[in-house]
Amino acid sequence: MIAIVDYGSGNIQAIKNIYKKLKVDTKFVSKPEDFEGITKIILPGVGAFDEAMSKLNESGMRQILDEMVIEKAVPVLGICVGMQIMAKASDEGELKGLGWFDAEVKLFDSKTIKHKPKLPHMGWNEIRPEMEHPMLKEIDLEKGYYFLHSFYFKCLDQDDILATAEYGKQFHCAVSKKNILGFQFHPEKSHSNGINLFKNFAEL
């Protein structure tokens, strides 16, 4: 059973709809006792870093997430801000992140961006793998994924970089560390590539 964490941040219904079509069992979790029987976790997120961390801390699920992910090594997939809060901190706010990665979240330097509007980075972008990984099976790398963000994830441990993308500069758009995965883009808005990504996660 895949848990989709419902802490008031993220397009959770779209994710559930995709898994329904794939005939994969999911459920929304919003309190610690909901995690019983869970074998995988999806941590979505939209909006600002501090807002997402505040909502997660207030939800009462912070401790159970640390227990499931760090102690029990349950596979977890962070999406957009759900990925960013896996870092230690962000330029966007003052709160500490989950700290699951040795990483920080930085604001794009608009001086390096030729496109207008310069921020947010919005639209389809190809991705480039930095390692082999089952999450990238049957993915059209040139088509890529749909992005919508002004801040990017900066890994301080190069071994954790799963894929990069280009927007004014090369940035880390996907990360992987043991059972922990993070993707900056929105697979739920990325058509067949997004469906395949969710399918791959279910099959890990």
N, C-alpha and C. Protein backbone atom coordinates (compact mmCIF):
# COMPACT_ATOMS: atom_id res chain seq x y z
N MET A 1 0.84 -1.20 0.00
CA MET A 1 0.00 0.00 0.00
C MET A 1 0.88 1.25 0.00
N ILE A 2 0.60 2.15 -0.94
CA ILE A 2 1.35 3.40 -1.02
C ILE A 2 0.60 4.50 -0.29
N ALA A 3 1.27 5.18 0.62
CA ALA A 3 0.69 6.31 1.34
C ALA A 3 0.98 7.60 0.58
N ILE A 4 -0.05 8.40 0.37
CA ILE A 4 0.10 9.74 -0.18
C ILE A 4 -0.12 10.70 0.99
N VAL A 5 0.93 11.39 1.40
CA VAL A 5 0.86 12.20 2.61
C VAL A 5 0.02 13.45 2.37
N ASP A 6 -1.04 13.57 3.16
CA ASP A 6 -1.96 14.70 3.06
C ASP A 6 -1.72 15.62 4.25
N TYR A 7 -0.90 16.66 4.02
CA TYR A 7 -0.65 17.63 5.08
C TYR A 7 -1.03 19.03 4.62
N GLY A 8 -1.91 19.08 3.60
CA GLY A 8 -2.41 20.36 3.11
C GLY A 8 -1.50 21.02 2.10
N SER A 9 -0.62 20.25 1.46
CA SER A 9 0.29 20.81 0.47
C SER A 9 0.54 19.78 -0.62
N GLY A 10 0.04 20.06 -1.83
CA GLY A 10 0.31 19.15 -2.94
C GLY A 10 -0.95 18.69 -3.64
N ASN A 11 -0.79 18.30 -4.89
CA ASN A 11 -1.91 17.88 -5.72
C ASN A 11 -2.14 16.38 -5.52
N ILE A 12 -2.68 16.02 -4.36
CA ILE A 12 -2.74 14.62 -3.97
C ILE A 12 -3.77 13.83 -4.77
N GLN A 13 -4.87 14.45 -5.16
CA GLN A 13 -5.91 13.71 -5.88
C GLN A 13 -5.42 13.27 -7.25
N ALA A 14 -4.62 14.12 -7.93
CA ALA A 14 -4.09 13.77 -9.25
C ALA A 14 -3.19 12.54 -9.15
N ILE A 15 -2.41 12.45 -8.08
CA ILE A 15 -1.53 11.29 -7.88
C ILE A 15 -2.37 10.04 -7.66
N LYS A 16 -3.37 10.15 -6.83
CA LYS A 16 -4.24 9.00 -6.55
C LYS A 16 -4.95 8.53 -7.81
N ASN A 17 -5.38 9.48 -8.66
CA ASN A 17 -6.07 9.13 -9.91
C ASN A 17 -5.17 8.34 -10.85
N ILE A 18 -3.90 8.73 -10.91
CA ILE A 18 -2.94 8.01 -11.76
C ILE A 18 -2.78 6.58 -11.26
N TYR A 19 -2.61 6.41 -9.97
CA TYR A 19 -2.44 5.07 -9.42
C TYR A 19 -3.71 4.24 -9.56
N LYS A 20 -4.87 4.88 -9.53
CA LYS A 20 -6.12 4.15 -9.75
C LYS A 20 -6.14 3.55 -11.14
N LYS A 21 -5.68 4.32 -12.14
CA LYS A 21 -5.61 3.82 -13.52
C LYS A 21 -4.59 2.70 -13.65
N LEU A 22 -3.53 2.78 -12.85
CA LEU A 22 -2.50 1.74 -12.86
C LEU A 22 -2.90 0.53 -12.01
N LYS A 23 -4.05 0.64 -11.33
CA LYS A 23 -4.56 -0.43 -10.47
C LYS A 23 -3.58 -0.74 -9.34
N VAL A 24 -3.06 0.34 -8.76
CA VAL A 24 -2.17 0.24 -7.61
C VAL A 24 -2.88 0.86 -6.40
N ASP A 25 -2.88 0.15 -5.28
CA ASP A 25 -3.57 0.62 -4.08
C ASP A 25 -2.82 1.76 -3.41
N THR A 26 -3.56 2.84 -3.15
CA THR A 26 -3.00 3.97 -2.41
C THR A 26 -4.02 4.43 -1.37
N LYS A 27 -3.54 5.21 -0.42
CA LYS A 27 -4.48 5.88 0.49
C LYS A 27 -3.85 7.16 1.00
N PHE A 28 -4.70 8.14 1.28
CA PHE A 28 -4.23 9.38 1.89
C PHE A 28 -3.95 9.13 3.36
N VAL A 29 -2.84 9.68 3.85
CA VAL A 29 -2.54 9.58 5.28
C VAL A 29 -2.41 11.00 5.84
N SER A 30 -3.03 11.23 6.99
CA SER A 30 -3.01 12.58 7.57
C SER A 30 -2.71 12.57 9.07
N LYS A 31 -2.50 11.38 9.63
CA LYS A 31 -2.15 11.27 11.05
C LYS A 31 -1.30 10.01 11.24
N PRO A 32 -0.52 9.94 12.32
CA PRO A 32 0.44 8.84 12.49
C PRO A 32 -0.17 7.45 12.40
N GLU A 33 -1.36 7.25 12.95
CA GLU A 33 -1.95 5.90 12.94
C GLU A 33 -2.34 5.43 11.54
N ASP A 34 -2.40 6.36 10.57
CA ASP A 34 -2.75 5.98 9.19
C ASP A 34 -1.64 5.19 8.50
N PHE A 35 -0.43 5.19 9.08
CA PHE A 35 0.72 4.58 8.41
C PHE A 35 0.82 3.07 8.61
N GLU A 36 -0.07 2.49 9.36
CA GLU A 36 -0.04 1.05 9.58
C GLU A 36 -0.24 0.31 8.25
N GLY A 37 0.64 -0.63 7.94
CA GLY A 37 0.53 -1.41 6.71
C GLY A 37 1.08 -0.74 5.47
N ILE A 38 1.68 0.43 5.62
CA ILE A 38 2.22 1.18 4.49
C ILE A 38 3.58 0.63 4.07
N THR A 39 3.78 0.45 2.77
CA THR A 39 5.06 -0.07 2.26
C THR A 39 5.85 0.95 1.46
N LYS A 40 5.19 2.04 1.02
CA LYS A 40 5.86 3.12 0.30
C LYS A 40 5.15 4.43 0.63
N ILE A 41 5.89 5.54 0.48
CA ILE A 41 5.35 6.85 0.85
C ILE A 41 5.61 7.86 -0.27
N ILE A 42 4.60 8.66 -0.59
CA ILE A 42 4.78 9.80 -1.50
C ILE A 42 4.54 11.08 -0.70
N LEU A 43 5.52 11.97 -0.77
CA LEU A 43 5.47 13.25 -0.05
C LEU A 43 5.36 14.37 -1.08
N PRO A 44 4.14 14.84 -1.37
CA PRO A 44 3.97 15.92 -2.35
C PRO A 44 4.23 17.28 -1.70
N GLY A 45 4.12 18.33 -2.48
CA GLY A 45 4.28 19.67 -1.92
C GLY A 45 4.21 20.74 -2.99
N VAL A 46 3.52 21.83 -2.66
CA VAL A 46 3.47 23.01 -3.53
C VAL A 46 3.62 24.24 -2.64
N GLY A 47 3.97 25.37 -3.26
CA GLY A 47 4.07 26.61 -2.50
C GLY A 47 5.45 26.83 -1.92
N ALA A 48 5.48 27.45 -0.74
CA ALA A 48 6.74 27.88 -0.13
C ALA A 48 7.28 26.84 0.85
N PHE A 49 8.59 26.84 1.02
CA PHE A 49 9.30 25.89 1.88
C PHE A 49 8.80 25.97 3.32
N ASP A 50 8.82 27.17 3.93
CA ASP A 50 8.42 27.31 5.33
C ASP A 50 6.97 26.92 5.56
N GLU A 51 6.11 27.27 4.61
CA GLU A 51 4.70 26.91 4.73
C GLU A 51 4.52 25.39 4.74
N ALA A 52 5.24 24.72 3.83
CA ALA A 52 5.15 23.26 3.77
C ALA A 52 5.69 22.62 5.05
N MET A 53 6.83 23.12 5.53
CA MET A 53 7.40 22.55 6.77
C MET A 53 6.50 22.82 7.97
N SER A 54 5.90 23.99 8.02
CA SER A 54 4.99 24.31 9.13
C SER A 54 3.80 23.38 9.13
N LYS A 55 3.22 23.17 7.95
CA LYS A 55 2.06 22.28 7.85
C LYS A 55 2.43 20.86 8.24
N LEU A 56 3.60 20.41 7.80
CA LEU A 56 4.02 19.05 8.12
C LEU A 56 4.28 18.90 9.62
N ASN A 57 4.96 19.88 10.21
CA ASN A 57 5.23 19.83 11.65
C ASN A 57 3.93 19.85 12.46
N GLU A 58 2.97 20.67 12.02
CA GLU A 58 1.69 20.79 12.73
C GLU A 58 0.80 19.56 12.54
N SER A 59 1.06 18.79 11.50
CA SER A 59 0.21 17.63 11.19
C SER A 59 0.39 16.49 12.19
N GLY A 60 1.50 16.49 12.91
CA GLY A 60 1.79 15.40 13.82
C GLY A 60 2.46 14.20 13.16
N MET A 61 2.78 14.32 11.86
CA MET A 61 3.35 13.20 11.12
C MET A 61 4.87 13.24 10.99
N ARG A 62 5.48 14.29 11.50
CA ARG A 62 6.93 14.45 11.33
C ARG A 62 7.69 13.26 11.93
N GLN A 63 7.36 12.87 13.15
CA GLN A 63 8.09 11.80 13.82
C GLN A 63 7.88 10.46 13.13
N ILE A 64 6.65 10.15 12.74
CA ILE A 64 6.38 8.86 12.09
C ILE A 64 7.07 8.79 10.73
N LEU A 65 7.18 9.92 10.04
CA LEU A 65 7.89 9.94 8.75
C LEU A 65 9.37 9.65 8.96
N ASP A 66 9.98 10.26 9.97
CA ASP A 66 11.39 9.98 10.26
C ASP A 66 11.58 8.51 10.62
N GLU A 67 10.66 7.96 11.40
CA GLU A 67 10.76 6.56 11.79
C GLU A 67 10.64 5.64 10.58
N MET A 68 9.65 5.90 9.74
CA MET A 68 9.42 5.05 8.57
C MET A 68 10.58 5.14 7.58
N VAL A 69 11.02 6.36 7.30
CA VAL A 69 12.02 6.59 6.25
C VAL A 69 13.44 6.29 6.71
N ILE A 70 13.81 6.80 7.88
CA ILE A 70 15.20 6.67 8.35
C ILE A 70 15.43 5.35 9.08
N GLU A 71 14.53 4.98 9.98
CA GLU A 71 14.75 3.78 10.79
C GLU A 71 14.32 2.50 10.08
N LYS A 72 13.16 2.54 9.40
CA LYS A 72 12.64 1.34 8.76
C LYS A 72 12.96 1.26 7.26
N ALA A 73 13.56 2.32 6.71
CA ALA A 73 13.99 2.36 5.29
C ALA A 73 12.84 2.10 4.32
N VAL A 74 11.67 2.64 4.63
CA VAL A 74 10.53 2.56 3.71
C VAL A 74 10.80 3.51 2.53
N PRO A 75 10.63 3.04 1.29
CA PRO A 75 10.85 3.91 0.13
C PRO A 75 9.93 5.13 0.16
N VAL A 76 10.50 6.30 -0.10
CA VAL A 76 9.74 7.55 -0.10
C VAL A 76 10.09 8.35 -1.34
N LEU A 77 9.07 9.00 -1.91
CA LEU A 77 9.23 9.83 -3.10
C LEU A 77 8.74 11.23 -2.80
N GLY A 78 9.64 12.22 -2.84
CA GLY A 78 9.28 13.61 -2.63
C GLY A 78 9.10 14.32 -3.97
N ILE A 79 8.03 15.12 -4.08
CA ILE A 79 7.71 15.80 -5.34
C ILE A 79 7.70 17.31 -5.12
N CYS A 80 8.45 18.04 -5.95
CA CYS A 80 8.52 19.50 -5.94
C CYS A 80 8.92 19.99 -4.55
N VAL A 81 8.08 20.74 -3.85
CA VAL A 81 8.43 21.21 -2.51
C VAL A 81 8.58 20.02 -1.56
N GLY A 82 7.89 18.93 -1.86
CA GLY A 82 8.07 17.70 -1.09
C GLY A 82 9.48 17.17 -1.18
N MET A 83 10.15 17.44 -2.29
CA MET A 83 11.57 17.13 -2.42
C MET A 83 12.40 18.17 -1.68
N GLN A 84 12.08 19.44 -1.86
CA GLN A 84 12.89 20.51 -1.27
C GLN A 84 12.96 20.43 0.25
N ILE A 85 11.85 20.03 0.90
CA ILE A 85 11.88 19.96 2.36
C ILE A 85 12.70 18.78 2.87
N MET A 86 13.17 17.92 1.96
CA MET A 86 14.09 16.85 2.35
C MET A 86 15.50 17.38 2.59
N ALA A 87 15.76 18.63 2.18
CA ALA A 87 17.07 19.26 2.40
C ALA A 87 17.17 19.76 3.84
N LYS A 88 18.33 20.31 4.18
CA LYS A 88 18.55 20.82 5.53
C LYS A 88 17.93 22.20 5.72
N ALA A 89 17.93 23.02 4.66
CA ALA A 89 17.44 24.39 4.78
C ALA A 89 17.19 24.96 3.39
N SER A 90 16.55 26.13 3.35
CA SER A 90 16.23 26.78 2.07
C SER A 90 16.45 28.28 2.15
N ASP A 91 16.89 28.86 1.05
CA ASP A 91 16.97 30.32 0.93
C ASP A 91 15.59 30.95 1.03
N GLU A 92 14.57 30.15 0.78
CA GLU A 92 13.20 30.67 0.73
C GLU A 92 12.62 30.93 2.13
N GLY A 93 13.19 30.30 3.15
CA GLY A 93 12.61 30.43 4.48
C GLY A 93 13.63 30.31 5.58
N GLU A 94 13.13 30.21 6.80
CA GLU A 94 13.99 30.17 7.98
C GLU A 94 13.91 28.83 8.72
N LEU A 95 12.89 28.05 8.45
CA LEU A 95 12.72 26.79 9.16
C LEU A 95 13.72 25.75 8.66
N LYS A 96 14.04 24.81 9.52
CA LYS A 96 14.89 23.69 9.12
C LYS A 96 14.07 22.68 8.35
N GLY A 97 14.69 22.04 7.34
CA GLY A 97 14.04 21.00 6.59
C GLY A 97 14.16 19.66 7.31
N LEU A 98 13.72 18.61 6.63
CA LEU A 98 13.79 17.27 7.20
C LEU A 98 15.23 16.79 7.37
N GLY A 99 16.12 17.28 6.52
CA GLY A 99 17.53 16.92 6.63
C GLY A 99 17.85 15.51 6.19
N TRP A 100 17.02 14.94 5.33
CA TRP A 100 17.27 13.58 4.84
C TRP A 100 18.41 13.55 3.82
N PHE A 101 18.67 14.70 3.19
CA PHE A 101 19.81 14.83 2.27
C PHE A 101 20.75 15.91 2.80
N ASP A 102 22.03 15.73 2.52
CA ASP A 102 23.01 16.79 2.78
C ASP A 102 22.88 17.76 1.61
N ALA A 103 21.94 18.68 1.74
CA ALA A 103 21.58 19.55 0.62
C ALA A 103 20.95 20.83 1.13
N GLU A 104 20.89 21.83 0.26
CA GLU A 104 20.21 23.08 0.58
C GLU A 104 19.42 23.53 -0.66
N VAL A 105 18.47 24.38 -0.45
CA VAL A 105 17.61 24.85 -1.53
C VAL A 105 17.96 26.30 -1.83
N LYS A 106 18.26 26.58 -3.09
CA LYS A 106 18.77 27.89 -3.49
C LYS A 106 17.84 28.56 -4.51
N LEU A 107 17.85 29.88 -4.56
CA LEU A 107 17.09 30.64 -5.54
C LEU A 107 17.89 30.72 -6.84
N PHE A 108 17.22 30.49 -7.98
CA PHE A 108 17.88 30.66 -9.27
C PHE A 108 18.41 32.09 -9.41
N ASP A 109 19.58 32.24 -10.00
CA ASP A 109 20.14 33.55 -10.32
C ASP A 109 19.53 34.01 -11.64
N SER A 110 18.61 34.97 -11.58
CA SER A 110 17.89 35.41 -12.78
C SER A 110 18.82 36.05 -13.82
N LYS A 111 20.02 36.47 -13.41
CA LYS A 111 20.96 37.08 -14.35
C LYS A 111 21.45 36.07 -15.39
N THR A 112 21.39 34.79 -15.06
CA THR A 112 21.89 33.76 -15.98
C THR A 112 20.79 33.24 -16.91
N ILE A 113 19.55 33.71 -16.71
CA ILE A 113 18.40 33.18 -17.45
C ILE A 113 18.00 34.13 -18.58
N LYS A 114 17.95 33.61 -19.81
CA LYS A 114 17.61 34.43 -20.96
C LYS A 114 16.10 34.48 -21.21
N HIS A 115 15.40 33.42 -20.80
CA HIS A 115 13.97 33.33 -21.08
C HIS A 115 13.17 34.34 -20.26
N LYS A 116 12.04 34.78 -20.79
CA LYS A 116 11.12 35.64 -20.04
C LYS A 116 9.75 34.99 -20.01
N PRO A 117 9.02 35.03 -18.86
CA PRO A 117 9.54 35.56 -17.59
C PRO A 117 10.64 34.67 -17.04
N LYS A 118 11.62 35.28 -16.40
CA LYS A 118 12.78 34.51 -15.95
C LYS A 118 12.42 33.53 -14.84
N LEU A 119 11.57 33.97 -13.94
CA LEU A 119 11.13 33.10 -12.84
C LEU A 119 9.62 33.21 -12.68
N PRO A 120 8.95 32.13 -12.40
CA PRO A 120 9.51 30.80 -12.11
C PRO A 120 9.94 30.07 -13.38
N HIS A 121 10.75 29.04 -13.19
CA HIS A 121 11.04 28.10 -14.27
C HIS A 121 9.76 27.29 -14.48
N MET A 122 9.14 27.49 -15.64
CA MET A 122 7.83 26.89 -15.87
C MET A 122 7.78 26.27 -17.25
N GLY A 123 7.34 25.01 -17.31
CA GLY A 123 7.18 24.34 -18.59
C GLY A 123 7.99 23.05 -18.67
N TRP A 124 8.03 22.49 -19.87
CA TRP A 124 8.69 21.20 -20.07
C TRP A 124 10.19 21.37 -20.22
N ASN A 125 10.93 20.44 -19.63
CA ASN A 125 12.38 20.47 -19.69
C ASN A 125 12.90 19.03 -19.76
N GLU A 126 13.87 18.79 -20.62
CA GLU A 126 14.48 17.47 -20.64
C GLU A 126 15.36 17.29 -19.42
N ILE A 127 15.59 16.05 -19.06
CA ILE A 127 16.45 15.75 -17.91
C ILE A 127 17.60 14.86 -18.37
N ARG A 128 18.69 14.89 -17.61
CA ARG A 128 19.86 14.10 -17.95
C ARG A 128 20.25 13.23 -16.76
N PRO A 129 20.19 11.91 -16.90
CA PRO A 129 20.55 11.02 -15.79
C PRO A 129 22.03 11.15 -15.43
N GLU A 130 22.30 11.06 -14.15
CA GLU A 130 23.68 11.05 -13.66
C GLU A 130 24.04 9.67 -13.10
N MET A 131 23.06 8.75 -13.08
CA MET A 131 23.30 7.38 -12.64
C MET A 131 22.22 6.50 -13.24
N GLU A 132 22.48 5.22 -13.29
CA GLU A 132 21.44 4.28 -13.69
C GLU A 132 20.50 4.04 -12.51
N HIS A 133 19.19 4.01 -12.80
CA HIS A 133 18.24 3.83 -11.71
C HIS A 133 16.92 3.29 -12.27
N PRO A 134 16.29 2.34 -11.57
CA PRO A 134 15.02 1.79 -12.06
C PRO A 134 13.90 2.82 -12.15
N MET A 135 14.02 3.94 -11.46
CA MET A 135 12.99 4.98 -11.57
C MET A 135 12.95 5.60 -12.97
N LEU A 136 14.02 5.47 -13.73
CA LEU A 136 14.08 6.09 -15.06
C LEU A 136 13.78 5.10 -16.18
N LYS A 137 13.28 3.93 -15.84
CA LYS A 137 12.93 2.93 -16.84
C LYS A 137 11.76 3.42 -17.70
N GLU A 138 11.92 3.28 -19.02
CA GLU A 138 10.88 3.65 -20.00
C GLU A 138 10.50 5.13 -19.93
N ILE A 139 11.49 5.97 -19.60
CA ILE A 139 11.27 7.41 -19.57
C ILE A 139 11.85 8.05 -20.83
N ASP A 140 11.08 8.93 -21.47
CA ASP A 140 11.55 9.68 -22.63
C ASP A 140 12.32 10.90 -22.11
N LEU A 141 13.64 10.79 -22.08
CA LEU A 141 14.47 11.83 -21.47
C LEU A 141 14.41 13.15 -22.22
N GLU A 142 14.25 13.09 -23.54
CA GLU A 142 14.19 14.33 -24.32
C GLU A 142 12.88 15.07 -24.11
N LYS A 143 11.81 14.33 -23.97
CA LYS A 143 10.51 14.96 -23.66
C LYS A 143 10.56 15.55 -22.26
N GLY A 144 11.15 14.81 -21.35
CA GLY A 144 11.36 15.31 -20.00
C GLY A 144 10.09 15.43 -19.18
N TYR A 145 10.07 16.48 -18.35
CA TYR A 145 8.99 16.65 -17.37
C TYR A 145 8.56 18.11 -17.26
N TYR A 146 7.41 18.28 -16.62
CA TYR A 146 6.87 19.63 -16.42
C TYR A 146 7.39 20.20 -15.09
N PHE A 147 7.99 21.38 -15.18
CA PHE A 147 8.55 22.06 -14.01
C PHE A 147 7.77 23.33 -13.68
N LEU A 148 7.75 23.68 -12.40
CA LEU A 148 7.20 24.96 -11.95
C LEU A 148 7.84 25.30 -10.61
N HIS A 149 8.92 26.10 -10.67
CA HIS A 149 9.65 26.43 -9.43
C HIS A 149 10.61 27.59 -9.66
N SER A 150 10.94 28.27 -8.57
CA SER A 150 11.93 29.36 -8.59
C SER A 150 13.16 29.02 -7.77
N PHE A 151 13.06 27.97 -6.97
CA PHE A 151 14.17 27.52 -6.14
C PHE A 151 14.57 26.11 -6.58
N TYR A 152 15.84 25.79 -6.43
CA TYR A 152 16.32 24.48 -6.86
C TYR A 152 17.08 23.79 -5.73
N PHE A 153 17.14 22.48 -5.82
CA PHE A 153 17.77 21.61 -4.83
C PHE A 153 19.25 21.49 -5.16
N LYS A 154 20.11 21.82 -4.22
CA LYS A 154 21.56 21.72 -4.43
C LYS A 154 22.13 20.65 -3.52
N CYS A 155 22.49 19.51 -4.12
CA CYS A 155 23.10 18.41 -3.37
C CYS A 155 24.54 18.74 -3.02
N LEU A 156 24.91 18.54 -1.78
CA LEU A 156 26.30 18.72 -1.38
C LEU A 156 27.08 17.41 -1.48
N ASP A 157 26.35 16.31 -1.59
CA ASP A 157 26.96 15.00 -1.83
C ASP A 157 26.66 14.60 -3.28
N GLN A 158 27.68 14.61 -4.10
CA GLN A 158 27.50 14.35 -5.53
C GLN A 158 26.95 12.95 -5.81
N ASP A 159 27.17 12.01 -4.88
CA ASP A 159 26.68 10.64 -5.08
C ASP A 159 25.16 10.55 -5.03
N ASP A 160 24.50 11.59 -4.52
CA ASP A 160 23.04 11.58 -4.39
C ASP A 160 22.31 12.12 -5.62
N ILE A 161 23.06 12.61 -6.62
CA ILE A 161 22.43 13.24 -7.79
C ILE A 161 21.97 12.18 -8.77
N LEU A 162 20.67 12.09 -8.98
CA LEU A 162 20.09 11.11 -9.90
C LEU A 162 19.98 11.68 -11.31
N ALA A 163 19.60 12.96 -11.42
CA ALA A 163 19.45 13.59 -12.74
C ALA A 163 19.58 15.10 -12.61
N THR A 164 19.97 15.72 -13.73
CA THR A 164 20.09 17.17 -13.77
C THR A 164 19.23 17.72 -14.91
N ALA A 165 18.98 19.02 -14.85
CA ALA A 165 18.29 19.74 -15.92
C ALA A 165 18.97 21.09 -16.09
N GLU A 166 18.58 21.81 -17.12
CA GLU A 166 19.23 23.08 -17.44
C GLU A 166 18.22 24.21 -17.41
N TYR A 167 18.52 25.25 -16.62
CA TYR A 167 17.72 26.48 -16.66
C TYR A 167 18.60 27.62 -16.19
N GLY A 168 19.26 28.24 -17.15
CA GLY A 168 20.24 29.27 -16.83
C GLY A 168 21.55 28.66 -16.38
N LYS A 169 21.45 27.53 -15.73
CA LYS A 169 22.60 26.75 -15.25
C LYS A 169 22.12 25.32 -15.08
N GLN A 170 23.05 24.42 -14.93
CA GLN A 170 22.69 23.03 -14.64
C GLN A 170 22.29 22.94 -13.17
N PHE A 171 21.18 22.26 -12.90
CA PHE A 171 20.76 22.09 -11.52
C PHE A 171 20.30 20.66 -11.28
N HIS A 172 20.24 20.27 -10.04
CA HIS A 172 19.87 18.91 -9.66
C HIS A 172 18.35 18.80 -9.62
N CYS A 173 17.79 18.02 -10.53
CA CYS A 173 16.33 17.92 -10.62
C CYS A 173 15.80 16.61 -10.06
N ALA A 174 16.69 15.66 -9.75
CA ALA A 174 16.27 14.40 -9.15
C ALA A 174 17.41 13.87 -8.29
N VAL A 175 17.04 13.34 -7.12
CA VAL A 175 18.06 12.85 -6.19
C VAL A 175 17.66 11.47 -5.66
N SER A 176 18.65 10.71 -5.26
CA SER A 176 18.41 9.36 -4.76
C SER A 176 19.46 9.01 -3.71
N LYS A 177 18.97 8.54 -2.56
CA LYS A 177 19.85 8.14 -1.48
C LYS A 177 19.22 6.96 -0.76
N LYS A 178 19.73 5.76 -1.04
CA LYS A 178 19.16 4.54 -0.48
C LYS A 178 17.67 4.45 -0.81
N ASN A 179 16.81 4.55 0.19
CA ASN A 179 15.36 4.42 -0.02
C ASN A 179 14.66 5.75 -0.27
N ILE A 180 15.43 6.85 -0.35
CA ILE A 180 14.84 8.18 -0.43
C ILE A 180 15.04 8.76 -1.83
N LEU A 181 13.94 9.19 -2.45
CA LEU A 181 13.95 9.77 -3.79
C LEU A 181 13.28 11.14 -3.78
N GLY A 182 13.81 12.05 -4.59
CA GLY A 182 13.19 13.36 -4.71
C GLY A 182 13.22 13.83 -6.16
N PHE A 183 12.11 14.43 -6.61
CA PHE A 183 12.01 14.95 -7.97
C PHE A 183 11.45 16.36 -7.94
N GLN A 184 12.16 17.29 -8.56
CA GLN A 184 11.75 18.69 -8.55
C GLN A 184 10.53 18.93 -9.45
N PHE A 185 10.44 18.19 -10.51
CA PHE A 185 9.35 18.38 -11.47
C PHE A 185 8.06 17.75 -10.97
N HIS A 186 6.99 17.95 -11.75
CA HIS A 186 5.67 17.44 -11.39
C HIS A 186 5.30 16.25 -12.27
N PRO A 187 5.54 15.01 -11.82
CA PRO A 187 5.15 13.86 -12.64
C PRO A 187 3.65 13.78 -12.87
N GLU A 188 2.86 14.27 -11.92
CA GLU A 188 1.40 14.21 -12.08
C GLU A 188 0.89 15.13 -13.19
N LYS A 189 1.79 16.00 -13.70
CA LYS A 189 1.43 16.89 -14.81
C LYS A 189 2.23 16.57 -16.08
N SER A 190 2.90 15.43 -16.08
CA SER A 190 3.87 15.13 -17.13
C SER A 190 3.46 13.96 -18.02
N HIS A 191 2.17 13.72 -18.16
CA HIS A 191 1.62 12.76 -19.10
C HIS A 191 2.26 11.37 -18.97
N SER A 192 2.64 10.77 -20.08
CA SER A 192 3.13 9.39 -20.06
C SER A 192 4.41 9.25 -19.24
N ASN A 193 5.29 10.24 -19.30
CA ASN A 193 6.53 10.17 -18.51
C ASN A 193 6.22 10.16 -17.01
N GLY A 194 5.24 10.94 -16.62
CA GLY A 194 4.86 10.96 -15.22
C GLY A 194 4.21 9.67 -14.78
N ILE A 195 3.35 9.12 -15.62
CA ILE A 195 2.70 7.84 -15.31
C ILE A 195 3.76 6.75 -15.15
N ASN A 196 4.73 6.73 -16.06
CA ASN A 196 5.79 5.72 -15.98
C ASN A 196 6.63 5.87 -14.71
N LEU A 197 6.85 7.13 -14.29
CA LEU A 197 7.62 7.36 -13.08
C LEU A 197 6.87 6.80 -11.85
N PHE A 198 5.59 7.08 -11.76
CA PHE A 198 4.79 6.55 -10.66
C PHE A 198 4.74 5.02 -10.70
N LYS A 199 4.64 4.47 -11.91
CA LYS A 199 4.64 3.02 -12.07
C LYS A 199 5.97 2.43 -11.58
N ASN A 200 7.07 3.05 -11.96
CA ASN A 200 8.38 2.58 -11.54
C ASN A 200 8.52 2.61 -10.02
N PHE A 201 7.98 3.66 -9.39
CA PHE A 201 8.08 3.75 -7.94
C PHE A 201 7.28 2.62 -7.28
N ALA A 202 6.12 2.34 -7.82
CA ALA A 202 5.29 1.25 -7.27
C ALA A 202 5.97 -0.10 -7.39
N GLU A 203 6.84 -0.25 -8.41
CA GLU A 203 7.49 -1.53 -8.66
C GLU A 203 8.86 -1.67 -7.97
N LEU A 204 9.31 -0.64 -7.29
CA LEU A 204 10.61 -0.73 -6.60
C LEU A 204 10.59 -1.84 -5.54
